[in-house]
PDB file of N, CA and C in Angstrom:
ATOM      1  N   UNK A   1     -80.257  48.402  90.468  1.00  0.00           N
ATOM      2  CA  UNK A   1     -79.491  47.239  90.096  1.00  0.00           C
ATOM      3  C   UNK A   1     -78.461  47.578  89.023  1.00  0.00           C
ATOM      4  N   UNK A   2     -78.829  48.457  88.088  1.00  0.00           N
ATOM      5  CA  UNK A   2     -77.913  48.847  87.031  1.00  0.00           C
ATOM      6  C   UNK A   2     -76.709  49.594  87.597  1.00  0.00           C
ATOM      7  N   UNK A   3     -76.922  50.351  88.662  1.00  0.00           N
ATOM      8  CA  UNK A   3     -75.825  51.087  89.295  1.00  0.00           C
ATOM      9  C   UNK A   3     -74.810  50.112  89.892  1.00  0.00           C
ATOM     10  N   UNK A   4     -75.303  49.028  90.479  1.00  0.00           N
ATOM     11  CA  UNK A   4     -74.405  48.027  91.047  1.00  0.00           C
ATOM     12  C   UNK A   4     -73.579  47.356  89.964  1.00  0.00           C
ATOM     13  N   UNK A   5     -74.165  47.088  88.827  1.00  0.00           N
ATOM     14  CA  UNK A   5     -73.437  46.487  87.720  1.00  0.00           C
ATOM     15  C   UNK A   5     -72.345  47.426  87.213  1.00  0.00           C
ATOM     16  N   UNK A   6     -72.597  48.711  87.246  1.00  0.00           N
ATOM     17  CA  UNK A   6     -71.608  49.685  86.800  1.00  0.00           C
ATOM     18  C   UNK A   6     -70.464  49.826  87.807  1.00  0.00           C
ATOM     19  N   UNK A   7     -70.764  49.589  89.064  1.00  0.00           N
ATOM     20  CA  UNK A   7     -69.743  49.709  90.118  1.00  0.00           C
ATOM     21  C   UNK A   7     -68.876  48.462  90.245  1.00  0.00           C
ATOM     22  N   UNK A   8     -69.282  47.361  89.648  1.00  0.00           N
ATOM     23  CA  UNK A   8     -68.550  46.107  89.765  1.00  0.00           C
ATOM     24  C   UNK A   8     -67.080  46.238  89.355  1.00  0.00           C
ATOM     25  N   UNK A   9     -66.732  46.851  88.218  1.00  0.00           N
ATOM     26  CA  UNK A   9     -65.315  46.979  87.850  1.00  0.00           C
ATOM     27  C   UNK A   9     -64.520  47.805  88.870  1.00  0.00           C
ATOM     28  N   UNK A  10     -65.137  48.830  89.407  1.00  0.00           N
ATOM     29  CA  UNK A  10     -64.464  49.641  90.427  1.00  0.00           C
ATOM     30  C   UNK A  10     -64.203  48.816  91.680  1.00  0.00           C
ATOM     31  N   UNK A  11     -65.175  48.064  92.113  1.00  0.00           N
ATOM     32  CA  UNK A  11     -65.018  47.216  93.288  1.00  0.00           C
ATOM     33  C   UNK A  11     -63.914  46.186  93.073  1.00  0.00           C
ATOM     34  N   UNK A  12     -63.894  45.555  91.913  1.00  0.00           N
ATOM     35  CA  UNK A  12     -62.875  44.558  91.595  1.00  0.00           C
ATOM     36  C   UNK A  12     -61.482  45.188  91.581  1.00  0.00           C
ATOM     37  N   UNK A  13     -61.369  46.359  90.980  1.00  0.00           N
ATOM     38  CA  UNK A  13     -60.077  47.059  90.933  1.00  0.00           C
ATOM     39  C   UNK A  13     -59.582  47.418  92.322  1.00  0.00           C
ATOM     40  N   UNK A  14     -60.460  47.905  93.158  1.00  0.00           N
ATOM     41  CA  UNK A  14     -60.076  48.255  94.531  1.00  0.00           C
ATOM     42  C   UNK A  14     -59.662  47.017  95.323  1.00  0.00           C
ATOM     43  N   UNK A  15     -60.346  45.925  95.121  1.00  0.00           N
ATOM     44  CA  UNK A  15     -60.003  44.678  95.809  1.00  0.00           C
ATOM     45  C   UNK A  15     -58.610  44.206  95.399  1.00  0.00           C
ATOM     46  N   UNK A  16     -58.339  44.233  94.112  1.00  0.00           N
ATOM     47  CA  UNK A  16     -57.016  43.834  93.614  1.00  0.00           C
ATOM     48  C   UNK A  16     -55.942  44.751  94.175  1.00  0.00           C
ATOM     49  N   UNK A  17     -56.208  46.041  94.204  1.00  0.00           N
ATOM     50  CA  UNK A  17     -55.246  47.009  94.750  1.00  0.00           C
ATOM     51  C   UNK A  17     -54.953  46.732  96.220  1.00  0.00           C
ATOM     52  N   UNK A  18     -55.954  46.457  97.000  1.00  0.00           N
ATOM     53  CA  UNK A  18     -55.768  46.163  98.425  1.00  0.00           C
ATOM     54  C   UNK A  18     -54.931  44.900  98.607  1.00  0.00           C
ATOM     55  N   UNK A  19     -55.215  43.878  97.824  1.00  0.00           N
ATOM     56  CA  UNK A  19     -54.447  42.632  97.915  1.00  0.00           C
ATOM     57  C   UNK A  19     -52.988  42.887  97.568  1.00  0.00           C
ATOM     58  N   UNK A  20     -52.728  43.648  96.506  1.00  0.00           N
ATOM     59  CA  UNK A  20     -51.350  43.959  96.129  1.00  0.00           C
ATOM     60  C   UNK A  20     -50.632  44.753  97.211  1.00  0.00           C
ATOM     61  N   UNK A  21     -51.297  45.700  97.808  1.00  0.00           N
ATOM     62  CA  UNK A  21     -50.691  46.494  98.886  1.00  0.00           C
ATOM     63  C   UNK A  21     -50.337  45.598 100.074  1.00  0.00           C
ATOM     64  N   UNK A  22     -51.219  44.682 100.418  1.00  0.00           N
ATOM     65  CA  UNK A  22     -50.953  43.762 101.530  1.00  0.00           C
ATOM     66  C   UNK A  22     -49.763  42.869 101.197  1.00  0.00           C
ATOM     67  N   UNK A  23     -49.710  42.348  99.982  1.00  0.00           N
ATOM     68  CA  UNK A  23     -48.592  41.491  99.586  1.00  0.00           C
ATOM     69  C   UNK A  23     -47.271  42.246  99.614  1.00  0.00           C
ATOM     70  N   UNK A  24     -47.260  43.456  99.124  1.00  0.00           N
ATOM     71  CA  UNK A  24     -46.036  44.260  99.118  1.00  0.00           C
ATOM     72  C   UNK A  24     -45.619  44.604 100.537  1.00  0.00           C
ATOM     73  N   UNK A  25     -46.566  44.955 101.385  1.00  0.00           N
ATOM     74  CA  UNK A  25     -46.245  45.325 102.766  1.00  0.00           C
ATOM     75  C   UNK A  25     -45.689  44.142 103.550  1.00  0.00           C
ATOM     76  N   UNK A  26     -46.077  42.923 103.177  1.00  0.00           N
ATOM     77  CA  UNK A  26     -45.615  41.742 103.897  1.00  0.00           C
ATOM     78  C   UNK A  26     -44.307  41.178 103.361  1.00  0.00           C
ATOM     79  N   UNK A  27     -43.755  41.766 102.304  1.00  0.00           N
ATOM     80  CA  UNK A  27     -42.466  41.325 101.783  1.00  0.00           C
ATOM     81  C   UNK A  27     -41.379  41.663 102.804  1.00  0.00           C
ATOM     82  N   UNK A  28     -40.454  40.757 103.015  1.00  0.00           N
ATOM     83  CA  UNK A  28     -39.343  41.089 103.911  1.00  0.00           C
ATOM     84  C   UNK A  28     -38.558  42.284 103.371  1.00  0.00           C
ATOM     85  N   UNK A  29     -38.191  43.184 104.258  1.00  0.00           N
ATOM     86  CA  UNK A  29     -37.417  44.358 103.860  1.00  0.00           C
ATOM     87  C   UNK A  29     -35.949  44.005 103.630  1.00  0.00           C
ATOM     88  N   UNK A  30     -35.477  42.963 104.299  1.00  0.00           N
ATOM     89  CA  UNK A  30     -34.074  42.559 104.177  1.00  0.00           C
ATOM     90  C   UNK A  30     -33.904  41.679 102.946  1.00  0.00           C
ATOM     91  N   UNK A  31     -32.880  42.019 102.167  1.00  0.00           N
ATOM     92  CA  UNK A  31     -32.593  41.268 100.939  1.00  0.00           C
ATOM     93  C   UNK A  31     -31.125  40.871 100.951  1.00  0.00           C
ATOM     94  N   UNK A  32     -30.866  39.602 100.703  1.00  0.00           N
ATOM     95  CA  UNK A  32     -29.503  39.104 100.551  1.00  0.00           C
ATOM     96  C   UNK A  32     -29.281  38.822  99.071  1.00  0.00           C
ATOM     97  N   UNK A  33     -28.442  39.642  98.450  1.00  0.00           N
ATOM     98  CA  UNK A  33     -28.094  39.457  97.048  1.00  0.00           C
ATOM     99  C   UNK A  33     -26.865  38.559  96.984  1.00  0.00           C
ATOM    100  N   UNK A  34     -26.869  37.621  96.043  1.00  0.00           N
ATOM    101  CA  UNK A  34     -25.766  36.674  95.934  1.00  0.00           C
ATOM    102  C   UNK A  34     -25.542  36.310  94.475  1.00  0.00           C
ATOM    103  N   UNK A  35     -24.413  35.657  94.232  1.00  0.00           N
ATOM    104  CA  UNK A  35     -24.102  35.115  92.914  1.00  0.00           C
ATOM    105  C   UNK A  35     -23.965  33.614  93.020  1.00  0.00           C
ATOM    106  N   UNK A  36     -24.414  32.919  91.985  1.00  0.00           N
ATOM    107  CA  UNK A  36     -24.420  31.451  91.997  1.00  0.00           C
ATOM    108  C   UNK A  36     -23.064  30.816  92.282  1.00  0.00           C
ATOM    109  N   UNK A  37     -21.999  31.363  91.732  1.00  0.00           N
ATOM    110  CA  UNK A  37     -20.687  30.725  91.871  1.00  0.00           C
ATOM    111  C   UNK A  37     -19.738  31.549  92.751  1.00  0.00           C
ATOM    112  N   UNK A  38     -20.285  32.420  93.547  1.00  0.00           N
ATOM    113  CA  UNK A  38     -19.487  33.300  94.411  1.00  0.00           C
ATOM    114  C   UNK A  38     -19.074  32.547  95.687  1.00  0.00           C
ATOM    115  N   UNK A  39     -17.767  32.375  95.928  1.00  0.00           N
ATOM    116  CA  UNK A  39     -17.340  31.641  97.132  1.00  0.00           C
ATOM    117  C   UNK A  39     -17.673  32.370  98.436  1.00  0.00           C
ATOM    118  N   UNK A  40     -17.666  33.688  98.411  1.00  0.00           N
ATOM    119  CA  UNK A  40     -18.005  34.449  99.619  1.00  0.00           C
ATOM    120  C   UNK A  40     -19.501  34.325  99.926  1.00  0.00           C
ATOM    121  N   UNK A  41     -20.304  34.273  98.869  1.00  0.00           N
ATOM    122  CA  UNK A  41     -21.744  34.049  99.042  1.00  0.00           C
ATOM    123  C   UNK A  41     -21.986  32.670  99.646  1.00  0.00           C
ATOM    124  N   UNK A  42     -21.199  31.711  99.211  1.00  0.00           N
ATOM    125  CA  UNK A  42     -21.327  30.350  99.742  1.00  0.00           C
ATOM    126  C   UNK A  42     -20.972  30.319 101.230  1.00  0.00           C
ATOM    127  N   UNK A  43     -20.011  31.127 101.654  1.00  0.00           N
ATOM    128  CA  UNK A  43     -19.677  31.218 103.089  1.00  0.00           C
ATOM    129  C   UNK A  43     -20.894  31.675 103.889  1.00  0.00           C
ATOM    130  N   UNK A  44     -21.601  32.676 103.362  1.00  0.00           N
ATOM    131  CA  UNK A  44     -22.808  33.167 104.046  1.00  0.00           C
ATOM    132  C   UNK A  44     -23.861  32.067 104.067  1.00  0.00           C
ATOM    133  N   UNK A  45     -24.057  31.392 102.939  1.00  0.00           N
ATOM    134  CA  UNK A  45     -25.048  30.312 102.866  1.00  0.00           C
ATOM    135  C   UNK A  45     -24.714  29.192 103.846  1.00  0.00           C
ATOM    136  N   UNK A  46     -23.445  28.828 103.918  1.00  0.00           N
ATOM    137  CA  UNK A  46     -23.026  27.775 104.855  1.00  0.00           C
ATOM    138  C   UNK A  46     -23.309  28.194 106.294  1.00  0.00           C
ATOM    139  N   UNK A  47     -23.016  29.449 106.613  1.00  0.00           N
ATOM    140  CA  UNK A  47     -23.296  29.948 107.956  1.00  0.00           C
ATOM    141  C   UNK A  47     -24.799  29.853 108.263  1.00  0.00           C
ATOM    142  N   UNK A  48     -25.623  30.299 107.304  1.00  0.00           N
ATOM    143  CA  UNK A  48     -27.067  30.300 107.527  1.00  0.00           C
ATOM    144  C   UNK A  48     -27.640  28.885 107.630  1.00  0.00           C
ATOM    145  N   UNK A  49     -27.034  27.927 106.956  1.00  0.00           N
ATOM    146  CA  UNK A  49     -27.483  26.540 107.080  1.00  0.00           C
ATOM    147  C   UNK A  49     -27.205  26.014 108.479  1.00  0.00           C
ATOM    148  N   UNK A  50     -26.062  26.381 109.039  1.00  0.00           N
ATOM    149  CA  UNK A  50     -25.685  25.922 110.374  1.00  0.00           C
ATOM    150  C   UNK A  50     -26.343  26.739 111.472  1.00  0.00           C
ATOM    151  N   UNK A  51     -26.709  27.978 111.148  1.00  0.00           N
ATOM    152  CA  UNK A  51     -27.279  28.908 112.130  1.00  0.00           C
ATOM    153  C   UNK A  51     -28.507  29.587 111.518  1.00  0.00           C
ATOM    154  N   UNK A  52     -29.631  28.890 111.467  1.00  0.00           N
ATOM    155  CA  UNK A  52     -30.819  29.485 110.843  1.00  0.00           C
ATOM    156  C   UNK A  52     -31.173  30.823 111.494  1.00  0.00           C
ATOM    157  N   UNK A  53     -31.509  31.770 110.648  1.00  0.00           N
ATOM    158  CA  UNK A  53     -31.806  33.117 111.120  1.00  0.00           C
ATOM    159  C   UNK A  53     -33.288  33.273 111.434  1.00  0.00           C
ATOM    160  N   UNK A  54     -33.566  34.084 112.446  1.00  0.00           N
ATOM    161  CA  UNK A  54     -34.951  34.423 112.757  1.00  0.00           C
ATOM    162  C   UNK A  54     -35.408  35.604 111.892  1.00  0.00           C
ATOM    163  N   UNK A  55     -34.470  36.256 111.230  1.00  0.00           N
ATOM    164  CA  UNK A  55     -34.788  37.381 110.354  1.00  0.00           C
ATOM    165  C   UNK A  55     -35.356  36.841 109.050  1.00  0.00           C
ATOM    166  N   UNK A  56     -36.495  37.369 108.656  1.00  0.00           N
ATOM    167  CA  UNK A  56     -37.065  37.002 107.365  1.00  0.00           C
ATOM    168  C   UNK A  56     -36.388  37.856 106.303  1.00  0.00           C
ATOM    169  N   UNK A  57     -35.907  37.202 105.256  1.00  0.00           N
ATOM    170  CA  UNK A  57     -35.236  37.929 104.188  1.00  0.00           C
ATOM    171  C   UNK A  57     -35.414  37.189 102.876  1.00  0.00           C
ATOM    172  N   UNK A  58     -35.184  37.932 101.806  1.00  0.00           N
ATOM    173  CA  UNK A  58     -35.260  37.340 100.469  1.00  0.00           C
ATOM    174  C   UNK A  58     -33.855  37.086  99.951  1.00  0.00           C
ATOM    175  N   UNK A  59     -33.677  35.976  99.253  1.00  0.00           N
ATOM    176  CA  UNK A  59     -32.433  35.660  98.529  1.00  0.00           C
ATOM    177  C   UNK A  59     -32.663  36.060  97.075  1.00  0.00           C
ATOM    178  N   UNK A  60     -31.804  36.892  96.537  1.00  0.00           N
ATOM    179  CA  UNK A  60     -31.933  37.254  95.128  1.00  0.00           C
ATOM    180  C   UNK A  60     -30.596  37.071  94.428  1.00  0.00           C
ATOM    181  N   UNK A  61     -30.589  36.232  93.408  1.00  0.00           N
ATOM    182  CA  UNK A  61     -29.387  35.943  92.629  1.00  0.00           C
ATOM    183  C   UNK A  61     -29.203  37.034  91.577  1.00  0.00           C
ATOM    184  N   UNK A  62     -27.963  37.551  91.437  1.00  0.00           N
ATOM    185  CA  UNK A  62     -27.733  38.693  90.549  1.00  0.00           C
ATOM    186  C   UNK A  62     -26.906  38.379  89.309  1.00  0.00           C
ATOM    187  N   UNK A  63     -26.196  37.281  89.257  1.00  0.00           N
ATOM    188  CA  UNK A  63     -25.364  36.983  88.092  1.00  0.00           C
ATOM    189  C   UNK A  63     -26.212  36.652  86.866  1.00  0.00           C
ATOM    190  N   UNK A  64     -27.277  35.922  87.079  1.00  0.00           N
ATOM    191  CA  UNK A  64     -28.112  35.469  85.957  1.00  0.00           C
ATOM    192  C   UNK A  64     -29.450  36.186  85.873  1.00  0.00           C
ATOM    193  N   UNK A  65     -29.705  37.099  86.785  1.00  0.00           N
ATOM    194  CA  UNK A  65     -30.995  37.786  86.795  1.00  0.00           C
ATOM    195  C   UNK A  65     -30.761  39.291  86.764  1.00  0.00           C
ATOM    196  N   UNK A  66     -30.963  39.889  85.622  1.00  0.00           N
ATOM    197  CA  UNK A  66     -30.693  41.323  85.431  1.00  0.00           C
ATOM    198  C   UNK A  66     -31.585  42.191  86.319  1.00  0.00           C
ATOM    199  N   UNK A  67     -32.850  41.809  86.511  1.00  0.00           N
ATOM    200  CA  UNK A  67     -33.741  42.589  87.369  1.00  0.00           C
ATOM    201  C   UNK A  67     -33.213  42.645  88.799  1.00  0.00           C
ATOM    202  N   UNK A  68     -32.723  41.519  89.293  1.00  0.00           N
ATOM    203  CA  UNK A  68     -32.171  41.492  90.649  1.00  0.00           C
ATOM    204  C   UNK A  68     -30.914  42.342  90.734  1.00  0.00           C
ATOM    205  N   UNK A  69     -30.109  42.324  89.686  1.00  0.00           N
ATOM    206  CA  UNK A  69     -28.891  43.132  89.648  1.00  0.00           C
ATOM    207  C   UNK A  69     -29.222  44.623  89.681  1.00  0.00           C
ATOM    208  N   UNK A  70     -30.224  45.011  88.916  1.00  0.00           N
ATOM    209  CA  UNK A  70     -30.660  46.419  88.906  1.00  0.00           C
ATOM    210  C   UNK A  70     -31.204  46.805  90.276  1.00  0.00           C
ATOM    211  N   UNK A  71     -31.959  45.905  90.901  1.00  0.00           N
ATOM    212  CA  UNK A  71     -32.487  46.180  92.240  1.00  0.00           C
ATOM    213  C   UNK A  71     -31.349  46.354  93.240  1.00  0.00           C
ATOM    214  N   UNK A  72     -30.320  45.501  93.151  1.00  0.00           N
ATOM    215  CA  UNK A  72     -29.169  45.627  94.049  1.00  0.00           C
ATOM    216  C   UNK A  72     -28.491  46.993  93.855  1.00  0.00           C
ATOM    217  N   UNK A  73     -28.337  47.417  92.610  1.00  0.00           N
ATOM    218  CA  UNK A  73     -27.736  48.721  92.333  1.00  0.00           C
ATOM    219  C   UNK A  73     -28.569  49.844  92.936  1.00  0.00           C
ATOM    220  N   UNK A  74     -29.881  49.729  92.856  1.00  0.00           N
ATOM    221  CA  UNK A  74     -30.742  50.780  93.420  1.00  0.00           C
ATOM    222  C   UNK A  74     -30.614  50.836  94.942  1.00  0.00           C
ATOM    223  N   UNK A  75     -30.480  49.684  95.583  1.00  0.00           N
ATOM    224  CA  UNK A  75     -30.297  49.660  97.051  1.00  0.00           C
ATOM    225  C   UNK A  75     -28.933  50.239  97.413  1.00  0.00           C
ATOM    226  N   UNK A  76     -27.914  49.945  96.619  1.00  0.00           N
ATOM    227  CA  UNK A  76     -26.583  50.508  96.865  1.00  0.00           C
ATOM    228  C   UNK A  76     -26.622  52.030  96.762  1.00  0.00           C
ATOM    229  N   UNK A  77     -27.350  52.547  95.790  1.00  0.00           N
ATOM    230  CA  UNK A  77     -27.475  54.001  95.628  1.00  0.00           C
ATOM    231  C   UNK A  77     -28.152  54.629  96.841  1.00  0.00           C
ATOM    232  N   UNK A  78     -29.145  53.918  97.409  1.00  0.00           N
ATOM    233  CA  UNK A  78     -29.816  54.427  98.613  1.00  0.00           C
ATOM    234  C   UNK A  78     -28.827  54.596  99.761  1.00  0.00           C
ATOM    235  N   UNK A  79     -27.797  53.755  99.780  1.00  0.00           N
ATOM    236  CA  UNK A  79     -26.776  53.819 100.832  1.00  0.00           C
ATOM    237  C   UNK A  79     -25.624  54.752 100.449  1.00  0.00           C
ATOM    238  N   UNK A  80     -25.714  55.393  99.296  1.00  0.00           N
ATOM    239  CA  UNK A  80     -24.661  56.296  98.867  1.00  0.00           C
ATOM    240  C   UNK A  80     -23.430  55.601  98.320  1.00  0.00           C
ATOM    241  N   UNK A  81     -23.580  54.351  97.893  1.00  0.00           N
ATOM    242  CA  UNK A  81     -22.450  53.594  97.359  1.00  0.00           C
ATOM    243  C   UNK A  81     -22.375  53.748  95.849  1.00  0.00           C
ATOM    244  N   UNK A  82     -21.157  53.724  95.342  1.00  0.00           N
ATOM    245  CA  UNK A  82     -20.948  53.715  93.899  1.00  0.00           C
ATOM    246  C   UNK A  82     -21.292  52.328  93.381  1.00  0.00           C
ATOM    247  N   UNK A  83     -22.133  52.248  92.381  1.00  0.00           N
ATOM    248  CA  UNK A  83     -22.601  50.942  91.917  1.00  0.00           C
ATOM    249  C   UNK A  83     -21.511  50.131  91.241  1.00  0.00           C
ATOM    250  N   UNK A  84     -20.469  50.781  90.734  1.00  0.00           N
ATOM    251  CA  UNK A  84     -19.402  50.014  90.083  1.00  0.00           C
ATOM    252  C   UNK A  84     -18.480  49.338  91.088  1.00  0.00           C
ATOM    253  N   UNK A  85     -18.614  49.681  92.367  1.00  0.00           N
ATOM    254  CA  UNK A  85     -17.768  49.054  93.387  1.00  0.00           C
ATOM    255  C   UNK A  85     -18.547  48.070  94.264  1.00  0.00           C
ATOM    256  N   UNK A  86     -19.790  47.812  93.916  1.00  0.00           N
ATOM    257  CA  UNK A  86     -20.631  46.919  94.719  1.00  0.00           C
ATOM    258  C   UNK A  86     -20.546  45.505  94.166  1.00  0.00           C
ATOM    259  N   UNK A  87     -20.312  44.566  95.065  1.00  0.00           N
ATOM    260  CA  UNK A  87     -20.278  43.161  94.684  1.00  0.00           C
ATOM    261  C   UNK A  87     -21.128  42.341  95.622  1.00  0.00           C
ATOM    262  N   UNK A  88     -21.074  41.051  95.440  1.00  0.00           N
ATOM    263  CA  UNK A  88     -21.829  40.143  96.297  1.00  0.00           C
ATOM    264  C   UNK A  88     -20.864  39.338  97.153  1.00  0.00           C
ATOM    265  N   UNK A  89     -21.309  38.896  98.300  1.00  0.00           N
ATOM    266  CA  UNK A  89     -22.645  39.046  98.840  1.00  0.00           C
ATOM    267  C   UNK A  89     -22.904  40.482  99.290  1.00  0.00           C
ATOM    268  N   UNK A  90     -24.155  40.869  99.155  1.00  0.00           N
ATOM    269  CA  UNK A  90     -24.599  42.226  99.465  1.00  0.00           C
ATOM    270  C   UNK A  90     -25.913  42.105 100.207  1.00  0.00           C
ATOM    271  N   UNK A  91     -25.990  42.734 101.375  1.00  0.00           N
ATOM    272  CA  UNK A  91     -27.210  42.663 102.166  1.00  0.00           C
ATOM    273  C   UNK A  91     -27.764  44.068 102.357  1.00  0.00           C
ATOM    274  N   UNK A  92     -29.053  44.209 102.119  1.00  0.00           N
ATOM    275  CA  UNK A  92     -29.763  45.464 102.382  1.00  0.00           C
ATOM    276  C   UNK A  92     -30.829  45.163 103.416  1.00  0.00           C
ATOM    277  N   UNK A  93     -30.774  45.845 104.563  1.00  0.00           N
ATOM    278  CA  UNK A  93     -31.713  45.544 105.651  1.00  0.00           C
ATOM    279  C   UNK A  93     -32.885  46.519 105.750  1.00  0.00           C
ATOM    280  N   UNK A  94     -33.074  47.291 104.717  1.00  0.00           N
ATOM    281  CA  UNK A  94     -34.150  48.277 104.718  1.00  0.00           C
ATOM    282  C   UNK A  94     -33.630  49.685 104.822  1.00  0.00           C
ATOM    283  N   UNK A  95     -32.402  49.832 105.375  1.00  0.00           N
ATOM    284  CA  UNK A  95     -31.772  51.151 105.450  1.00  0.00           C
ATOM    285  C   UNK A  95     -30.258  51.095 105.348  1.00  0.00           C
ATOM    286  N   UNK A  96     -29.656  49.984 105.688  1.00  0.00           N
ATOM    287  CA  UNK A  96     -28.196  49.846 105.648  1.00  0.00           C
ATOM    288  C   UNK A  96     -27.777  48.818 104.606  1.00  0.00           C
ATOM    289  N   UNK A  97     -26.575  49.031 104.063  1.00  0.00           N
ATOM    290  CA  UNK A  97     -25.996  48.102 103.096  1.00  0.00           C
ATOM    291  C   UNK A  97     -24.746  47.473 103.692  1.00  0.00           C
ATOM    292  N   UNK A  98     -24.615  46.178 103.527  1.00  0.00           N
ATOM    293  CA  UNK A  98     -23.425  45.460 103.972  1.00  0.00           C
ATOM    294  C   UNK A  98     -22.874  44.674 102.797  1.00  0.00           C
ATOM    295  N   UNK A  99     -21.562  44.705 102.647  1.00  0.00           N
ATOM    296  CA  UNK A  99     -20.909  43.989 101.567  1.00  0.00           C
ATOM    297  C   UNK A  99     -19.863  43.063 102.178  1.00  0.00           C
ATOM    298  N   UNK A 100     -19.820  41.826 101.679  1.00  0.00           N
ATOM    299  CA  UNK A 100     -18.805  40.884 102.125  1.00  0.00           C
ATOM    300  C   UNK A 100     -19.333  39.879 103.114  1.00  0.00           C
ATOM    301  N   UNK A 101     -18.779  38.674 103.056  1.00  0.00           N
ATOM    302  CA  UNK A 101     -19.274  37.591 103.900  1.00  0.00           C
ATOM    303  C   UNK A 101     -19.086  37.866 105.386  1.00  0.00           C
ATOM    304  N   UNK A 102     -17.944  38.416 105.776  1.00  0.00           N
ATOM    305  CA  UNK A 102     -17.691  38.663 107.200  1.00  0.00           C
ATOM    306  C   UNK A 102     -18.692  39.663 107.774  1.00  0.00           C
ATOM    307  N   UNK A 103     -18.908  40.778 107.085  1.00  0.00           N
ATOM    308  CA  UNK A 103     -19.853  41.792 107.561  1.00  0.00           C
ATOM    309  C   UNK A 103     -21.274  41.236 107.649  1.00  0.00           C
ATOM    310  N   UNK A 104     -21.663  40.454 106.653  1.00  0.00           N
ATOM    311  CA  UNK A 104     -23.022  39.918 106.629  1.00  0.00           C
ATOM    312  C   UNK A 104     -23.211  38.854 107.704  1.00  0.00           C
ATOM    313  N   UNK A 105     -22.241  37.976 107.875  1.00  0.00           N
ATOM    314  CA  UNK A 105     -22.332  36.960 108.932  1.00  0.00           C
ATOM    315  C   UNK A 105     -22.375  37.639 110.300  1.00  0.00           C
ATOM    316  N   UNK A 106     -21.572  38.662 110.516  1.00  0.00           N
ATOM    317  CA  UNK A 106     -21.602  39.400 111.781  1.00  0.00           C
ATOM    318  C   UNK A 106     -22.976  40.024 112.005  1.00  0.00           C
ATOM    319  N   UNK A 107     -23.576  40.544 110.940  1.00  0.00           N
ATOM    320  CA  UNK A 107     -24.917  41.144 111.040  1.00  0.00           C
ATOM    321  C   UNK A 107     -25.924  40.086 111.485  1.00  0.00           C
ATOM    322  N   UNK A 108     -25.894  38.925 110.861  1.00  0.00           N
ATOM    323  CA  UNK A 108     -26.840  37.856 111.245  1.00  0.00           C
ATOM    324  C   UNK A 108     -26.585  37.402 112.679  1.00  0.00           C
ATOM    325  N   UNK A 109     -25.342  37.374 113.123  1.00  0.00           N
ATOM    326  CA  UNK A 109     -25.045  36.975 114.498  1.00  0.00           C
ATOM    327  C   UNK A 109     -25.634  37.954 115.506  1.00  0.00           C
ATOM    328  N   UNK A 110     -25.737  39.218 115.133  1.00  0.00           N
ATOM    329  CA  UNK A 110     -26.246  40.246 116.049  1.00  0.00           C
ATOM    330  C   UNK A 110     -27.760  40.335 116.066  1.00  0.00           C
ATOM    331  N   UNK A 111     -28.415  39.662 115.153  1.00  0.00           N
ATOM    332  CA  UNK A 111     -29.877  39.751 115.072  1.00  0.00           C
ATOM    333  C   UNK A 111     -30.543  38.793 116.036  1.00  0.00           C
TER     334      UNK A 111
END
């Protein structure tokens, strides 16, 4: 019985780790980065309101959220883009980066 009591923290830690792995694995790989007052971002939003996408994706605002901005820069680097030339709207689909409302709307139309 004492051995089971000693193993309890290990069991709890492993359970938490498994739950976190499942949550991370179920996160959508596609991310749409946007700015609150960006007119091009609003074009994408208007399109998506009229044409709901079957693609699961996350919306992340970058003007007021530094963590989201840093994440967008890291995704741009994965695509070989210079971070000083990256703006919003910016879409990362897990391997490709798209910048601009026209490119992103075209991407959603093809999905």
